[in-house]
Amino acid sequence: MFLPQWVGVPDDAGGYVYLDATPRPDLLIDLFGEPARVTLGQHLGGGWWYVLPGN
C-alpha cells in the first residue's frame, strides 16, 4: 500500500509504504512515475517505510 504525503505535478510522489513482509532489496515501487527501492527509504517500524523519489 502506498499513501502519498505529497504529489508532484505532473508526476512523482513521496510518502508512506506499508508491507506486511520484509521487502527484498530489489523491490521497486511506482511513486506515480518515479520508481524507488523500498529498502533505500527510511524504515519506520511495524511494516511502514517512508520513501522518496531517488531512493
N, C-alpha and C. Protein backbone atom coordinates (compact mmCIF):
# COMPACT_ATOMS: atom_id res chain seq x y z
N MET A 1 0.84 -1.16 0.00
CA MET A 1 0.00 0.00 0.00
C MET A 1 0.90 1.23 0.00
N PHE A 2 0.56 2.21 -0.81
CA PHE A 2 1.30 3.47 -0.87
C PHE A 2 0.36 4.60 -0.51
N LEU A 3 0.72 5.39 0.50
CA LEU A 3 -0.05 6.55 0.91
C LEU A 3 0.81 7.79 0.66
N PRO A 4 0.52 8.53 -0.41
CA PRO A 4 1.36 9.69 -0.72
C PRO A 4 1.21 10.80 0.31
N GLN A 5 2.33 11.36 0.71
CA GLN A 5 2.33 12.54 1.58
C GLN A 5 2.29 13.80 0.72
N TRP A 6 2.91 13.72 -0.45
CA TRP A 6 2.87 14.82 -1.40
C TRP A 6 2.87 14.24 -2.81
N VAL A 7 2.32 14.98 -3.75
CA VAL A 7 2.27 14.58 -5.16
C VAL A 7 2.77 15.74 -5.98
N GLY A 8 3.76 15.47 -6.84
CA GLY A 8 4.31 16.50 -7.71
C GLY A 8 3.48 16.62 -8.98
N VAL A 9 3.68 17.72 -9.68
CA VAL A 9 2.98 17.96 -10.94
C VAL A 9 4.03 18.07 -12.03
N PRO A 10 4.02 17.30 -13.07
CA PRO A 10 2.96 16.40 -13.49
C PRO A 10 3.10 14.98 -12.97
N ASP A 11 4.19 14.64 -12.33
CA ASP A 11 4.34 13.28 -11.81
C ASP A 11 5.24 13.27 -10.58
N ASP A 12 5.49 12.11 -10.05
CA ASP A 12 6.29 11.84 -8.86
C ASP A 12 5.45 12.04 -7.59
N ALA A 13 5.89 11.40 -6.55
CA ALA A 13 5.24 11.50 -5.25
C ALA A 13 6.20 10.97 -4.20
N GLY A 14 5.91 11.20 -2.97
CA GLY A 14 6.67 10.67 -1.85
C GLY A 14 5.72 10.41 -0.71
N GLY A 15 6.05 9.42 0.09
CA GLY A 15 5.16 9.15 1.21
C GLY A 15 5.43 7.82 1.86
N TYR A 16 4.37 7.23 2.37
CA TYR A 16 4.45 6.06 3.23
C TYR A 16 4.05 4.79 2.47
N VAL A 17 4.85 3.74 2.68
CA VAL A 17 4.59 2.44 2.07
C VAL A 17 4.43 1.43 3.20
N TYR A 18 3.39 0.60 3.09
CA TYR A 18 3.20 -0.47 4.07
C TYR A 18 3.39 -1.81 3.38
N LEU A 19 4.21 -2.66 3.99
CA LEU A 19 4.43 -4.03 3.52
C LEU A 19 4.28 -4.96 4.71
N ASP A 20 3.57 -6.07 4.53
CA ASP A 20 3.39 -7.00 5.65
C ASP A 20 4.47 -8.08 5.68
N ALA A 21 5.58 -7.83 4.98
CA ALA A 21 6.73 -8.74 4.96
C ALA A 21 7.99 -7.91 4.79
N THR A 22 9.13 -8.52 5.03
CA THR A 22 10.40 -7.84 4.81
C THR A 22 10.61 -7.68 3.30
N PRO A 23 10.83 -6.44 2.83
CA PRO A 23 10.98 -6.25 1.38
C PRO A 23 12.32 -6.79 0.87
N ARG A 24 12.27 -7.36 -0.33
CA ARG A 24 13.51 -7.77 -0.99
C ARG A 24 14.29 -6.52 -1.37
N PRO A 25 15.62 -6.58 -1.39
CA PRO A 25 16.42 -5.40 -1.75
C PRO A 25 16.12 -4.86 -3.15
N ASP A 26 15.64 -5.71 -4.05
CA ASP A 26 15.37 -5.27 -5.43
C ASP A 26 13.90 -4.87 -5.65
N LEU A 27 13.10 -4.79 -4.59
CA LEU A 27 11.69 -4.43 -4.74
C LEU A 27 11.55 -2.96 -5.11
N LEU A 28 10.93 -2.70 -6.26
CA LEU A 28 10.68 -1.33 -6.74
C LEU A 28 9.20 -1.03 -6.58
N ILE A 29 8.89 0.20 -6.22
CA ILE A 29 7.51 0.66 -6.22
C ILE A 29 7.42 1.87 -7.14
N ASP A 30 6.23 2.12 -7.65
CA ASP A 30 6.00 3.23 -8.56
C ASP A 30 5.45 4.41 -7.77
N LEU A 31 6.22 5.48 -7.68
CA LEU A 31 5.79 6.69 -6.99
C LEU A 31 5.17 7.65 -8.00
N PHE A 32 4.12 7.19 -8.65
CA PHE A 32 3.40 7.97 -9.66
C PHE A 32 4.33 8.44 -10.78
N GLY A 33 5.15 7.52 -11.27
CA GLY A 33 6.01 7.83 -12.41
C GLY A 33 7.49 7.68 -12.12
N GLU A 34 7.88 7.68 -10.87
CA GLU A 34 9.29 7.56 -10.49
C GLU A 34 9.46 6.27 -9.68
N PRO A 35 10.21 5.28 -10.22
CA PRO A 35 10.44 4.06 -9.45
C PRO A 35 11.39 4.32 -8.28
N ALA A 36 11.18 3.61 -7.18
CA ALA A 36 12.04 3.75 -6.00
C ALA A 36 12.16 2.40 -5.30
N ARG A 37 13.31 2.18 -4.69
CA ARG A 37 13.52 0.96 -3.90
C ARG A 37 13.06 1.22 -2.47
N VAL A 38 12.20 0.34 -1.99
CA VAL A 38 11.67 0.49 -0.63
C VAL A 38 12.79 0.46 0.40
N THR A 39 13.75 -0.45 0.23
CA THR A 39 14.80 -0.62 1.24
C THR A 39 15.76 0.56 1.32
N LEU A 40 15.72 1.48 0.35
CA LEU A 40 16.55 2.68 0.44
C LEU A 40 15.82 3.81 1.16
N GLY A 41 14.54 3.59 1.45
CA GLY A 41 13.77 4.55 2.22
C GLY A 41 14.06 4.41 3.71
N GLN A 42 13.33 5.14 4.50
CA GLN A 42 13.51 5.10 5.96
C GLN A 42 12.51 4.13 6.56
N HIS A 43 13.01 3.11 7.26
CA HIS A 43 12.14 2.13 7.92
C HIS A 43 11.57 2.76 9.18
N LEU A 44 10.24 2.79 9.28
CA LEU A 44 9.57 3.42 10.42
C LEU A 44 9.10 2.41 11.46
N GLY A 45 9.18 1.12 11.13
CA GLY A 45 8.74 0.07 12.05
C GLY A 45 7.32 -0.37 11.74
N GLY A 46 6.97 -1.56 12.19
CA GLY A 46 5.63 -2.08 12.02
C GLY A 46 5.22 -2.29 10.57
N GLY A 47 6.18 -2.47 9.66
CA GLY A 47 5.89 -2.67 8.24
C GLY A 47 5.82 -1.38 7.43
N TRP A 48 6.00 -0.22 8.07
CA TRP A 48 5.91 1.08 7.37
C TRP A 48 7.28 1.59 6.98
N TRP A 49 7.35 2.20 5.80
CA TRP A 49 8.56 2.82 5.26
C TRP A 49 8.21 4.19 4.73
N TYR A 50 9.14 5.14 4.82
CA TYR A 50 8.99 6.45 4.20
C TYR A 50 9.90 6.48 2.99
N VAL A 51 9.32 6.67 1.81
CA VAL A 51 10.05 6.56 0.56
C VAL A 51 9.88 7.82 -0.27
N LEU A 52 10.99 8.29 -0.84
CA LEU A 52 11.00 9.48 -1.69
C LEU A 52 11.56 9.12 -3.06
N PRO A 53 11.23 9.90 -4.11
CA PRO A 53 11.85 9.67 -5.40
C PRO A 53 13.38 9.76 -5.26
N GLY A 54 14.06 8.91 -5.99
CA GLY A 54 15.52 8.90 -5.92
C GLY A 54 16.03 7.82 -4.98
N ASN A 55 15.15 7.23 -4.18
CA ASN A 55 15.57 6.11 -3.32
C ASN A 55 15.78 4.90 -4.17
